[in-house]
Amino acid sequence: MKVLVIGGTRFVGLRIVRVLAEQGHNITLLNRGKTKADLPSGVKRLTVDRRNPDEVGQVLESQDFEVVYDITGYQIKNLEPLVAALCGRINHYIFQSTCAVYAPSELLPIRENFPTVTEVTAPAGEETYALEKLQCEQFLLRMFEEKGFPVTIFRSPVVYGPENWMDEREGSYFVRLLQGRRILVPGNGATVLHFVHADDVARAYLVASGQKRALGKIFNIASDEAITIDGYIDTISETMNVKVSKVYVEPQVVCNLKRPIFFFPWERSSFYDISRARDDIGYRPLFNMEEGMRHTYEWWLRSRGVHGTRFIPGKMGYDVDLAYEDDVLARYG
């Protein structure tokens, strides 16, 4: 299978490339060429800014692909040049969206036909991201209806796993626990979170590829189980064989803090139904949280560790302020 991966040099995209390479597929990456990556041998690269229609058209006019995986589409202007260049020339285009597009729901699990966000209901801190991803979805589905553009959309919750460059996520808990720090927990720790392992997302791309019944559809791609905040932290500590001491902070206090102390959507439980993906495309997640976190921690110890983990307050992906956490612990712990 000849596959074009838009992105492909970090985290989910890189895990997809590795799975493709293991199965012997012909892989080409299209990106700006700014991110270094340890790519499997034989992977080709096209260097282009996807926002420039002339560049995209020139680069792709001589290329031939069966399937396209778009991991880095965040705005319609990122999509228009690619759709124009690829329409009528490919069999399948799979777009990575997010479960952040769903409106808050009291009913769980959340299915693909549930209401989506508006400017009022978008998650705090993710307003622009969620709304623009939703606009991308709507544009692509319109291209499917009007031009037969062969699109499938994946919505995923928070992704974890090896090669996660976002140190504010699981890596921050590895560091905190190895340093013997107490862990701040918003509320009573009972909020339910839903995750998915990066390799399960990668396998979803491969299993869906070329399936006509997937065209024009949206699929939730997530783990088949959810976990509470307490359970998440406990799983990490058990994986590391390190005892954990938690400090529970009242929700109103957390909301009024100047800096974030928890980097997942904790105000409301979330759980996403994956039965459509299971029934229509044969998606089967392999990792539960215990196995997935062990897999992730083993990679982290080899590849990053405490000294390779970066915390930069205010910077996306690295937004951890341990000094501020110490202040919160002193006041409320």
C-alpha atoms as a PDB file:
ATOM      1  CA  MET A   1       0.000   0.000   0.000  1.00  0.00           C
ATOM      2  CA  LYS A   2       1.359   3.412  -0.996  1.00  0.00           C
ATOM      3  CA  VAL A   3       0.676   5.770   1.900  1.00  0.00           C
ATOM      4  CA  LEU A   4       1.182   9.511   2.291  1.00  0.00           C
ATOM      5  CA  VAL A   5       1.384  10.634   5.915  1.00  0.00           C
ATOM      6  CA  ILE A   6       0.869  14.349   6.538  1.00  0.00           C
ATOM      7  CA  GLY A   7       3.157  14.987   9.492  1.00  0.00           C
ATOM      8  CA  GLY A   8       4.639  11.706  10.644  1.00  0.00           C
ATOM      9  CA  THR A   9       7.642  12.905  12.628  1.00  0.00           C
ATOM     10  CA  ARG A  10       6.196  13.121  16.150  1.00  0.00           C
ATOM     11  CA  PHE A  11       4.154  10.960  18.499  1.00  0.00           C
ATOM     12  CA  VAL A  12       0.981   9.561  16.873  1.00  0.00           C
ATOM     13  CA  GLY A  13       2.215  10.231  13.345  1.00  0.00           C
ATOM     14  CA  LEU A  14       5.562   8.610  14.091  1.00  0.00           C
ATOM     15  CA  ARG A  15       3.887   5.580  15.689  1.00  0.00           C
ATOM     16  CA  ILE A  16       1.766   5.220  12.537  1.00  0.00           C
ATOM     17  CA  VAL A  17       4.893   5.342  10.387  1.00  0.00           C
ATOM     18  CA  ARG A  18       6.538   2.644  12.499  1.00  0.00           C
ATOM     19  CA  VAL A  19       3.538   0.315  12.229  1.00  0.00           C
ATOM     20  CA  LEU A  20       3.354   0.899   8.460  1.00  0.00           C
ATOM     21  CA  ALA A  21       7.060   0.134   8.109  1.00  0.00           C
ATOM     22  CA  GLU A  22       6.754  -3.072  10.152  1.00  0.00           C
ATOM     23  CA  GLN A  23       4.128  -4.287   7.683  1.00  0.00           C
ATOM     24  CA  GLY A  24       6.199  -3.421   4.621  1.00  0.00           C
ATOM     25  CA  HIS A  25       4.144  -0.543   3.212  1.00  0.00           C
ATOM     26  CA  ASN A  26       5.512   2.174   0.905  1.00  0.00           C
ATOM     27  CA  ILE A  27       5.615   5.349   3.034  1.00  0.00           C
ATOM     28  CA  THR A  28       6.052   9.004   2.134  1.00  0.00           C
ATOM     29  CA  LEU A  29       5.862  11.893   4.592  1.00  0.00           C
ATOM     30  CA  LEU A  30       4.733  15.411   3.711  1.00  0.00           C
ATOM     31  CA  ASN A  31       5.702  18.145   6.163  1.00  0.00           C
ATOM     32  CA  ARG A  32       7.749  21.314   6.509  1.00  0.00           C
ATOM     33  CA  GLY A  33      10.898  19.364   7.313  1.00  0.00           C
ATOM     34  CA  LYS A  34      11.519  21.194  10.574  1.00  0.00           C
ATOM     35  CA  THR A  35      11.227  18.272  12.992  1.00  0.00           C
ATOM     36  CA  LYS A  36      14.022  15.725  13.169  1.00  0.00           C
ATOM     37  CA  ALA A  37      12.890  12.157  13.630  1.00  0.00           C
ATOM     38  CA  ASP A  38      14.402   8.679  13.772  1.00  0.00           C
ATOM     39  CA  LEU A  39      12.474   7.301  10.827  1.00  0.00           C
ATOM     40  CA  PRO A  40      12.464   3.693   9.599  1.00  0.00           C
ATOM     41  CA  SER A  41      14.656   3.044   6.598  1.00  0.00           C
ATOM     42  CA  GLY A  42      13.035   3.566   3.228  1.00  0.00           C
ATOM     43  CA  VAL A  43      10.665   6.326   4.324  1.00  0.00           C
ATOM     44  CA  LYS A  44      10.605   9.154   1.775  1.00  0.00           C
ATOM     45  CA  ARG A  45      10.005  12.818   2.637  1.00  0.00           C
ATOM     46  CA  LEU A  46       8.350  15.636   0.718  1.00  0.00           C
ATOM     47  CA  THR A  47       9.153  19.055   2.146  1.00  0.00           C
ATOM     48  CA  VAL A  48       6.342  21.545   1.669  1.00  0.00           C
ATOM     49  CA  ASP A  49       4.170  23.915   3.671  1.00  0.00           C
ATOM     50  CA  ARG A  50       0.693  22.426   3.415  1.00  0.00           C
ATOM     51  CA  ARG A  51      -0.882  25.872   3.644  1.00  0.00           C
ATOM     52  CA  ASN A  52       0.572  26.898   0.283  1.00  0.00           C
ATOM     53  CA  PRO A  53      -1.695  25.601  -2.519  1.00  0.00           C
ATOM     54  CA  ASP A  54       0.820  26.187  -5.292  1.00  0.00           C
ATOM     55  CA  GLU A  55       3.578  24.314  -3.459  1.00  0.00           C
ATOM     56  CA  VAL A  56       1.274  21.439  -2.538  1.00  0.00           C
ATOM     57  CA  GLY A  57      -0.016  21.126  -6.090  1.00  0.00           C
ATOM     58  CA  GLN A  58       3.466  21.165  -7.606  1.00  0.00           C
ATOM     59  CA  VAL A  59       4.846  18.592  -5.175  1.00  0.00           C
ATOM     60  CA  LEU A  60       1.924  16.177  -5.429  1.00  0.00           C
ATOM     61  CA  GLU A  61       1.161  16.366  -9.149  1.00  0.00           C
ATOM     62  CA  SER A  62       3.852  13.814  -9.952  1.00  0.00           C
ATOM     63  CA  GLN A  63       3.109  11.598  -6.937  1.00  0.00           C
ATOM     64  CA  ASP A  64       0.786   8.616  -6.744  1.00  0.00           C
ATOM     65  CA  PHE A  65      -0.759   7.402  -3.466  1.00  0.00           C
ATOM     66  CA  GLU A  66      -3.534   5.037  -2.515  1.00  0.00           C
ATOM     67  CA  VAL A  67      -4.151   6.272   1.026  1.00  0.00           C
ATOM     68  CA  VAL A  68      -3.486   9.542   2.865  1.00  0.00           C
ATOM     69  CA  TYR A  69      -3.292   9.903   6.654  1.00  0.00           C
ATOM     70  CA  ASP A  70      -3.661  13.502   7.847  1.00  0.00           C
ATOM     71  CA  ILE A  71      -2.362  13.892  11.394  1.00  0.00           C
ATOM     72  CA  THR A  72      -1.672  17.636  11.356  1.00  0.00           C
ATOM     73  CA  GLY A  73      -4.786  19.321   9.971  1.00  0.00           C
ATOM     74  CA  TYR A  74      -6.004  22.007  12.346  1.00  0.00           C
ATOM     75  CA  GLN A  75      -7.703  24.574  10.121  1.00  0.00           C
ATOM     76  CA  ILE A  76      -9.666  24.488   6.875  1.00  0.00           C
ATOM     77  CA  LYS A  77      -6.894  26.442   5.166  1.00  0.00           C
ATOM     78  CA  ASN A  78      -4.603  23.488   5.998  1.00  0.00           C
ATOM     79  CA  LEU A  79      -6.982  21.139   4.182  1.00  0.00           C
ATOM     80  CA  GLU A  80      -8.047  23.021   1.057  1.00  0.00           C
ATOM     81  CA  PRO A  81      -4.755  22.691  -0.880  1.00  0.00           C
ATOM     82  CA  LEU A  82      -4.564  18.957  -0.169  1.00  0.00           C
ATOM     83  CA  VAL A  83      -8.157  18.259  -1.116  1.00  0.00           C
ATOM     84  CA  ALA A  84      -7.688  20.198  -4.341  1.00  0.00           C
ATOM     85  CA  ALA A  85      -4.511  18.293  -5.172  1.00  0.00           C
ATOM     86  CA  LEU A  86      -5.748  14.816  -4.192  1.00  0.00           C
ATOM     87  CA  CYS A  87      -9.438  14.749  -5.126  1.00  0.00           C
ATOM     88  CA  GLY A  88     -10.074  11.979  -7.664  1.00  0.00           C
ATOM     89  CA  ARG A  89      -6.546  10.596  -7.265  1.00  0.00           C
ATOM     90  CA  ILE A  90      -6.673   8.613  -4.003  1.00  0.00           C
ATOM     91  CA  ASN A  91      -8.771   5.815  -2.542  1.00  0.00           C
ATOM     92  CA  HIS A  92      -8.929   6.976   1.059  1.00  0.00           C
ATOM     93  CA  TYR A  93      -8.133  10.020   3.225  1.00  0.00           C
ATOM     94  CA  ILE A  94      -8.240   9.547   7.007  1.00  0.00           C
ATOM     95  CA  PHE A  95      -8.319  12.712   9.100  1.00  0.00           C
ATOM     96  CA  GLN A  96      -7.313  12.867  12.748  1.00  0.00           C
ATOM     97  CA  SER A  97      -9.817  14.864  14.767  1.00  0.00           C
ATOM     98  CA  THR A  98     -10.518  14.955  18.492  1.00  0.00           C
ATOM     99  CA  CYS A  99     -13.183  14.089  21.050  1.00  0.00           C
ATOM    100  CA  ALA A 100     -12.891  17.702  22.200  1.00  0.00           C
ATOM    101  CA  VAL A 101     -15.443  18.514  19.480  1.00  0.00           C
ATOM    102  CA  TYR A 102     -18.231  16.976  21.579  1.00  0.00           C
ATOM    103  CA  ALA A 103     -20.460  19.226  23.651  1.00  0.00           C
ATOM    104  CA  PRO A 104     -20.637  18.440  27.383  1.00  0.00           C
ATOM    105  CA  SER A 105     -22.965  15.504  27.926  1.00  0.00           C
ATOM    106  CA  GLU A 106     -24.713  14.095  30.977  1.00  0.00           C
ATOM    107  CA  LEU A 107     -25.321  10.898  29.021  1.00  0.00           C
ATOM    108  CA  LEU A 108     -22.451   8.418  28.660  1.00  0.00           C
ATOM    109  CA  PRO A 109     -20.994   6.833  26.625  1.00  0.00           C
ATOM    110  CA  ILE A 110     -20.763   9.552  23.995  1.00  0.00           C
ATOM    111  CA  ARG A 111     -21.544   8.378  20.458  1.00  0.00           C
ATOM    112  CA  GLU A 112     -20.578   9.922  17.155  1.00  0.00           C
ATOM    113  CA  ASN A 113     -24.029  11.458  16.637  1.00  0.00           C
ATOM    114  CA  PHE A 114     -23.980  13.387  19.948  1.00  0.00           C
ATOM    115  CA  PRO A 115     -24.089  17.208  19.870  1.00  0.00           C
ATOM    116  CA  THR A 116     -20.856  19.030  19.134  1.00  0.00           C
ATOM    117  CA  VAL A 117     -19.376  22.159  20.646  1.00  0.00           C
ATOM    118  CA  THR A 118     -20.272  25.775  20.090  1.00  0.00           C
ATOM    119  CA  GLU A 119     -18.314  28.862  21.129  1.00  0.00           C
ATOM    120  CA  VAL A 120     -20.163  28.693  24.456  1.00  0.00           C
ATOM    121  CA  THR A 121     -19.745  24.984  25.205  1.00  0.00           C
ATOM    122  CA  ALA A 122     -16.173  24.376  23.988  1.00  0.00           C
ATOM    123  CA  PRO A 123     -13.835  23.063  26.731  1.00  0.00           C
ATOM    124  CA  ALA A 124     -12.021  25.776  28.664  1.00  0.00           C
ATOM    125  CA  GLY A 125      -8.578  26.286  27.173  1.00  0.00           C
ATOM    126  CA  GLU A 126      -9.489  24.332  24.032  1.00  0.00           C
ATOM    127  CA  GLU A 127     -12.060  26.649  22.456  1.00  0.00           C
ATOM    128  CA  THR A 128     -10.130  27.460  19.288  1.00  0.00           C
ATOM    129  CA  TYR A 129      -8.713  23.960  18.884  1.00  0.00           C
ATOM    130  CA  ALA A 130     -12.077  22.193  19.261  1.00  0.00           C
ATOM    131  CA  LEU A 131     -14.007  24.589  17.058  1.00  0.00           C
ATOM    132  CA  GLU A 132     -11.418  24.578  14.279  1.00  0.00           C
ATOM    133  CA  LYS A 133     -11.201  20.786  14.311  1.00  0.00           C
ATOM    134  CA  LEU A 134     -14.989  20.666  14.019  1.00  0.00           C
ATOM    135  CA  GLN A 135     -14.876  23.083  11.084  1.00  0.00           C
ATOM    136  CA  CYS A 136     -12.295  20.810   9.430  1.00  0.00           C
ATOM    137  CA  GLU A 137     -14.618  17.841   9.866  1.00  0.00           C
ATOM    138  CA  GLN A 138     -17.548  19.730   8.383  1.00  0.00           C
ATOM    139  CA  PHE A 139     -15.476  20.866   5.397  1.00  0.00           C
ATOM    140  CA  LEU A 140     -14.242  17.344   4.659  1.00  0.00           C
ATOM    141  CA  LEU A 141     -17.693  15.800   4.945  1.00  0.00           C
ATOM    142  CA  ARG A 142     -19.005  18.484   2.605  1.00  0.00           C
ATOM    143  CA  MET A 143     -16.272  17.547   0.106  1.00  0.00           C
ATOM    144  CA  PHE A 144     -17.384  13.922   0.436  1.00  0.00           C
ATOM    145  CA  GLU A 145     -20.975  14.843  -0.336  1.00  0.00           C
ATOM    146  CA  GLU A 146     -20.232  17.307  -3.136  1.00  0.00           C
ATOM    147  CA  LYS A 147     -17.168  15.795  -4.811  1.00  0.00           C
ATOM    148  CA  GLY A 148     -16.942  12.231  -3.549  1.00  0.00           C
ATOM    149  CA  PHE A 149     -13.746  12.986  -1.649  1.00  0.00           C
ATOM    150  CA  PRO A 150     -13.073   9.654   0.139  1.00  0.00           C
ATOM    151  CA  VAL A 151     -12.728  10.843   3.722  1.00  0.00           C
ATOM    152  CA  THR A 152     -12.986   9.088   7.083  1.00  0.00           C
ATOM    153  CA  ILE A 153     -12.715  11.000  10.351  1.00  0.00           C
ATOM    154  CA  PHE A 154     -11.232   9.663  13.580  1.00  0.00           C
ATOM    155  CA  ARG A 155     -12.084  11.326  16.888  1.00  0.00           C
ATOM    156  CA  SER A 156      -9.744  10.405  19.732  1.00  0.00           C
ATOM    157  CA  PRO A 157      -9.597  11.436  23.387  1.00  0.00           C
ATOM    158  CA  VAL A 158      -6.280  12.133  25.132  1.00  0.00           C
ATOM    159  CA  VAL A 159      -3.550  10.001  23.551  1.00  0.00           C
ATOM    160  CA  TYR A 160      -0.679   8.570  25.598  1.00  0.00           C
ATOM    161  CA  GLY A 161       2.173   6.232  24.836  1.00  0.00           C
ATOM    162  CA  PRO A 162       5.801   5.990  23.681  1.00  0.00           C
ATOM    163  CA  GLU A 163       7.281   8.997  21.885  1.00  0.00           C
ATOM    164  CA  ASN A 164       4.877  11.411  23.528  1.00  0.00           C
ATOM    165  CA  TRP A 165       6.697  14.737  23.297  1.00  0.00           C
ATOM    166  CA  MET A 166       4.155  16.458  25.575  1.00  0.00           C
ATOM    167  CA  ASP A 167       5.956  16.237  28.906  1.00  0.00           C
ATOM    168  CA  GLU A 168       3.041  17.812  30.784  1.00  0.00           C
ATOM    169  CA  ARG A 169       1.136  14.546  30.374  1.00  0.00           C
ATOM    170  CA  GLU A 170       2.195  11.130  31.741  1.00  0.00           C
ATOM    171  CA  GLY A 171       5.858  12.125  31.769  1.00  0.00           C
ATOM    172  CA  SER A 172       5.156  14.787  34.391  1.00  0.00           C
ATOM    173  CA  TYR A 173       3.779  12.130  36.752  1.00  0.00           C
ATOM    174  CA  PHE A 174       6.790   9.910  36.207  1.00  0.00           C
ATOM    175  CA  VAL A 175       8.971  12.837  37.287  1.00  0.00           C
ATOM    176  CA  ARG A 176       6.825  13.855  40.256  1.00  0.00           C
ATOM    177  CA  LEU A 177       6.717  10.331  41.659  1.00  0.00           C
ATOM    178  CA  LEU A 178      10.430   9.651  41.140  1.00  0.00           C
ATOM    179  CA  GLN A 179      11.143  12.898  42.993  1.00  0.00           C
ATOM    180  CA  GLY A 180       8.873  11.873  45.853  1.00  0.00           C
ATOM    181  CA  ARG A 181       6.463  14.722  45.292  1.00  0.00           C
ATOM    182  CA  ARG A 182       2.884  14.692  46.527  1.00  0.00           C
ATOM    183  CA  ILE A 183       0.333  14.628  43.724  1.00  0.00           C
ATOM    184  CA  LEU A 184      -2.348  17.292  43.420  1.00  0.00           C
ATOM    185  CA  VAL A 185      -5.768  15.885  42.517  1.00  0.00           C
ATOM    186  CA  PRO A 186      -8.675  18.090  41.402  1.00  0.00           C
ATOM    187  CA  GLY A 187     -11.894  17.395  43.298  1.00  0.00           C
ATOM    188  CA  ASN A 188     -12.366  13.983  44.858  1.00  0.00           C
ATOM    189  CA  GLY A 189     -10.504  12.024  42.179  1.00  0.00           C
ATOM    190  CA  ALA A 190     -13.658  10.271  40.974  1.00  0.00           C
ATOM    191  CA  THR A 191     -14.017  12.023  37.609  1.00  0.00           C
ATOM    192  CA  VAL A 192     -13.813   9.478  34.796  1.00  0.00           C
ATOM    193  CA  LEU A 193     -11.200  10.049  32.084  1.00  0.00           C
ATOM    194  CA  HIS A 194     -10.885   8.309  28.731  1.00  0.00           C
ATOM    195  CA  PHE A 195      -7.565   7.744  26.982  1.00  0.00           C
ATOM    196  CA  VAL A 196      -6.201   5.829  24.030  1.00  0.00           C
ATOM    197  CA  HIS A 197      -2.742   4.375  23.449  1.00  0.00           C
ATOM    198  CA  ALA A 198      -0.914   5.819  20.441  1.00  0.00           C
ATOM    199  CA  ASP A 199      -0.317   2.365  18.965  1.00  0.00           C
ATOM    200  CA  ASP A 200      -4.039   1.604  19.074  1.00  0.00           C
ATOM    201  CA  VAL A 201      -4.649   4.789  17.088  1.00  0.00           C
ATOM    202  CA  ALA A 202      -1.966   3.715  14.625  1.00  0.00           C
ATOM    203  CA  ARG A 203      -3.553   0.306  14.138  1.00  0.00           C
ATOM    204  CA  ALA A 204      -6.951   1.938  13.595  1.00  0.00           C
ATOM    205  CA  TYR A 205      -5.522   3.762  10.585  1.00  0.00           C
ATOM    206  CA  LEU A 206      -4.276   0.549   9.046  1.00  0.00           C
ATOM    207  CA  VAL A 207      -7.398  -1.485   9.718  1.00  0.00           C
ATOM    208  CA  ALA A 208      -9.663   1.222   8.246  1.00  0.00           C
ATOM    209  CA  SER A 209      -7.590   1.848   5.132  1.00  0.00           C
ATOM    210  CA  GLY A 210      -9.413   1.120   1.912  1.00  0.00           C
ATOM    211  CA  GLN A 211     -12.669   0.051   3.573  1.00  0.00           C
ATOM    212  CA  LYS A 212     -15.502   1.559   1.539  1.00  0.00           C
ATOM    213  CA  ARG A 213     -17.928   1.270   4.442  1.00  0.00           C
ATOM    214  CA  ALA A 214     -15.728   3.748   6.343  1.00  0.00           C
ATOM    215  CA  LEU A 215     -16.093   6.526   3.760  1.00  0.00           C
ATOM    216  CA  GLY A 216     -18.009   9.612   4.821  1.00  0.00           C
ATOM    217  CA  LYS A 217     -18.149   8.420   8.431  1.00  0.00           C
ATOM    218  CA  ILE A 218     -16.858   9.538  11.826  1.00  0.00           C
ATOM    219  CA  PHE A 219     -15.439   7.040  14.321  1.00  0.00           C
ATOM    220  CA  ASN A 220     -14.495   7.312  17.978  1.00  0.00           C
ATOM    221  CA  ILE A 221     -11.043   5.732  18.334  1.00  0.00           C
ATOM    222  CA  ALA A 222     -10.369   5.164  22.025  1.00  0.00           C
ATOM    223  CA  SER A 223      -9.593   2.525  24.610  1.00  0.00           C
ATOM    224  CA  ASP A 224     -12.429   0.165  25.444  1.00  0.00           C
ATOM    225  CA  GLU A 225     -12.240   1.195  29.101  1.00  0.00           C
ATOM    226  CA  ALA A 226     -12.195   4.447  31.037  1.00  0.00           C
ATOM    227  CA  ILE A 227     -10.558   5.244  34.373  1.00  0.00           C
ATOM    228  CA  THR A 228     -10.986   7.694  37.251  1.00  0.00           C
ATOM    229  CA  ILE A 229      -8.382  10.328  38.078  1.00  0.00           C
ATOM    230  CA  ASP A 230      -7.491   8.335  41.187  1.00  0.00           C
ATOM    231  CA  GLY A 231      -7.196   5.197  39.078  1.00  0.00           C
ATOM    232  CA  TYR A 232      -4.979   6.940  36.549  1.00  0.00           C
ATOM    233  CA  ILE A 233      -2.546   8.160  39.203  1.00  0.00           C
ATOM    234  CA  ASP A 234      -2.618   4.837  41.028  1.00  0.00           C
ATOM    235  CA  THR A 235      -1.893   2.942  37.814  1.00  0.00           C
ATOM    236  CA  ILE A 236       1.156   5.109  37.178  1.00  0.00           C
ATOM    237  CA  SER A 237       2.459   4.645  40.716  1.00  0.00           C
ATOM    238  CA  GLU A 238       1.913   0.875  40.560  1.00  0.00           C
ATOM    239  CA  THR A 239       3.643   0.718  37.190  1.00  0.00           C
ATOM    240  CA  MET A 240       6.641   2.501  38.678  1.00  0.00           C
ATOM    241  CA  ASN A 241       6.455   0.565  41.965  1.00  0.00           C
ATOM    242  CA  VAL A 242       6.473   3.876  43.821  1.00  0.00           C
ATOM    243  CA  LYS A 243       4.121   4.836  46.640  1.00  0.00           C
ATOM    244  CA  VAL A 244       1.914   7.843  45.982  1.00  0.00           C
ATOM    245  CA  SER A 245       0.648  10.528  48.343  1.00  0.00           C
ATOM    246  CA  LYS A 246      -2.270  12.560  47.006  1.00  0.00           C
ATOM    247  CA  VAL A 247      -3.619  15.942  47.992  1.00  0.00           C
ATOM    248  CA  TYR A 248      -7.225  16.579  46.987  1.00  0.00           C
ATOM    249  CA  VAL A 249      -8.068  20.159  46.064  1.00  0.00           C
ATOM    250  CA  GLU A 250     -11.643  21.464  46.071  1.00  0.00           C
ATOM    251  CA  PRO A 251     -12.999  22.095  42.550  1.00  0.00           C
ATOM    252  CA  GLN A 252     -13.691  25.775  43.224  1.00  0.00           C
ATOM    253  CA  VAL A 253     -10.140  26.232  44.437  1.00  0.00           C
ATOM    254  CA  VAL A 254      -8.755  24.527  41.320  1.00  0.00           C
ATOM    255  CA  CYS A 255     -10.847  26.764  39.076  1.00  0.00           C
ATOM    256  CA  ASN A 256      -9.495  29.890  40.801  1.00  0.00           C
ATOM    257  CA  LEU A 257      -5.826  28.921  40.681  1.00  0.00           C
ATOM    258  CA  LYS A 258      -3.625  31.062  38.442  1.00  0.00           C
ATOM    259  CA  ARG A 259      -1.863  28.042  36.932  1.00  0.00           C
ATOM    260  CA  PRO A 260      -3.122  24.591  35.896  1.00  0.00           C
ATOM    261  CA  ILE A 261      -2.363  21.678  38.215  1.00  0.00           C
ATOM    262  CA  PHE A 262      -3.996  18.932  36.136  1.00  0.00           C
ATOM    263  CA  PHE A 263      -3.794  18.680  32.381  1.00  0.00           C
ATOM    264  CA  PHE A 264      -6.774  16.540  31.470  1.00  0.00           C
ATOM    265  CA  PRO A 265     -10.491  17.473  31.364  1.00  0.00           C
ATOM    266  CA  TRP A 266     -11.367  16.903  35.017  1.00  0.00           C
ATOM    267  CA  GLU A 267     -14.571  18.951  35.467  1.00  0.00           C
ATOM    268  CA  ARG A 268     -16.845  16.353  33.879  1.00  0.00           C
ATOM    269  CA  SER A 269     -16.551  12.615  33.302  1.00  0.00           C
ATOM    270  CA  SER A 270     -16.044  11.427  29.733  1.00  0.00           C
ATOM    271  CA  PHE A 271     -16.445   8.040  28.098  1.00  0.00           C
ATOM    272  CA  TYR A 272     -16.664   7.489  24.345  1.00  0.00           C
ATOM    273  CA  ASP A 273     -18.509   4.657  22.615  1.00  0.00           C
ATOM    274  CA  ILE A 274     -16.287   2.765  20.156  1.00  0.00           C
ATOM    275  CA  SER A 275     -18.889   0.241  19.003  1.00  0.00           C
ATOM    276  CA  ARG A 276     -19.240   1.850  15.550  1.00  0.00           C
ATOM    277  CA  ALA A 277     -15.502   1.504  14.919  1.00  0.00           C
ATOM    278  CA  ARG A 278     -15.578  -2.058  16.222  1.00  0.00           C
ATOM    279  CA  ASP A 279     -18.559  -3.066  14.095  1.00  0.00           C
ATOM    280  CA  ASP A 280     -17.847  -1.144  10.885  1.00  0.00           C
ATOM    281  CA  ILE A 281     -14.074  -1.325  10.486  1.00  0.00           C
ATOM    282  CA  GLY A 282     -12.988  -4.043  12.912  1.00  0.00           C
ATOM    283  CA  TYR A 283     -11.149  -1.769  15.319  1.00  0.00           C
ATOM    284  CA  ARG A 284      -9.942  -3.599  18.445  1.00  0.00           C
ATOM    285  CA  PRO A 285      -7.827  -1.678  20.985  1.00  0.00           C
ATOM    286  CA  LEU A 286      -5.068  -3.872  22.402  1.00  0.00           C
ATOM    287  CA  PHE A 287      -3.945  -1.812  25.399  1.00  0.00           C
ATOM    288  CA  ASN A 288      -5.718  -1.377  28.706  1.00  0.00           C
ATOM    289  CA  MET A 289      -4.349   1.348  30.976  1.00  0.00           C
ATOM    290  CA  GLU A 290      -2.155  -0.982  33.028  1.00  0.00           C
ATOM    291  CA  GLU A 291      -0.449  -2.556  30.012  1.00  0.00           C
ATOM    292  CA  GLY A 292      -0.285   0.709  28.101  1.00  0.00           C
ATOM    293  CA  MET A 293       1.275   2.639  30.963  1.00  0.00           C
ATOM    294  CA  ARG A 294       3.877  -0.075  31.513  1.00  0.00           C
ATOM    295  CA  HIS A 295       4.742   0.068  27.821  1.00  0.00           C
ATOM    296  CA  THR A 296       4.962   3.871  28.006  1.00  0.00           C
ATOM    297  CA  TYR A 297       7.064   3.958  31.180  1.00  0.00           C
ATOM    298  CA  GLU A 298       9.586   1.468  29.786  1.00  0.00           C
ATOM    299  CA  TRP A 299      10.041   3.698  26.729  1.00  0.00           C
ATOM    300  CA  TRP A 300      10.289   6.831  28.900  1.00  0.00           C
ATOM    301  CA  LEU A 301      13.031   5.335  31.074  1.00  0.00           C
ATOM    302  CA  ARG A 302      15.046   4.402  27.990  1.00  0.00           C
ATOM    303  CA  SER A 303      14.475   7.535  25.954  1.00  0.00           C
ATOM    304  CA  ARG A 304      13.760  10.516  28.209  1.00  0.00           C
ATOM    305  CA  GLY A 305      13.959  10.005  31.940  1.00  0.00           C
ATOM    306  CA  VAL A 306      13.923  12.818  34.478  1.00  0.00           C
ATOM    307  CA  HIS A 307      16.810  14.680  32.857  1.00  0.00           C
ATOM    308  CA  GLY A 308      15.318  14.489  29.366  1.00  0.00           C
ATOM    309  CA  THR A 309      11.898  15.768  30.450  1.00  0.00           C
ATOM    310  CA  ARG A 310      11.269  19.498  30.000  1.00  0.00           C
ATOM    311  CA  PHE A 311       8.901  21.688  31.964  1.00  0.00           C
ATOM    312  CA  ILE A 312       8.356  25.201  30.612  1.00  0.00           C
ATOM    313  CA  PRO A 313       5.501  27.055  32.355  1.00  0.00           C
ATOM    314  CA  GLY A 314       3.106  28.520  29.807  1.00  0.00           C
ATOM    315  CA  LYS A 315       4.453  26.557  26.823  1.00  0.00           C
ATOM    316  CA  MET A 316       2.063  24.091  25.215  1.00  0.00           C
ATOM    317  CA  GLY A 317       3.120  20.519  25.823  1.00  0.00           C
ATOM    318  CA  TYR A 318       5.534  21.427  28.610  1.00  0.00           C
ATOM    319  CA  ASP A 319       3.272  23.556  30.794  1.00  0.00           C
ATOM    320  CA  VAL A 320       4.263  22.328  34.260  1.00  0.00           C
ATOM    321  CA  ASP A 321       5.293  24.655  37.086  1.00  0.00           C
ATOM    322  CA  LEU A 322       6.565  22.580  39.993  1.00  0.00           C
ATOM    323  CA  ALA A 323       7.367  25.673  42.067  1.00  0.00           C
ATOM    324  CA  TYR A 324       3.765  26.785  41.776  1.00  0.00           C
ATOM    325  CA  GLU A 325       2.592  23.302  42.692  1.00  0.00           C
ATOM    326  CA  ASP A 326       4.747  23.528  45.827  1.00  0.00           C
ATOM    327  CA  ASP A 327       2.954  26.750  46.712  1.00  0.00           C
ATOM    328  CA  VAL A 328      -0.458  25.105  46.204  1.00  0.00           C
ATOM    329  CA  LEU A 329       0.623  22.140  48.330  1.00  0.00           C
ATOM    330  CA  ALA A 330       1.760  24.480  51.085  1.00  0.00           C
ATOM    331  CA  ARG A 331      -1.590  26.276  51.077  1.00  0.00           C
ATOM    332  CA  TYR A 332      -3.972  23.340  50.656  1.00  0.00           C
ATOM    333  CA  GLY A 333      -2.013  20.221  51.516  1.00  0.00           C
END
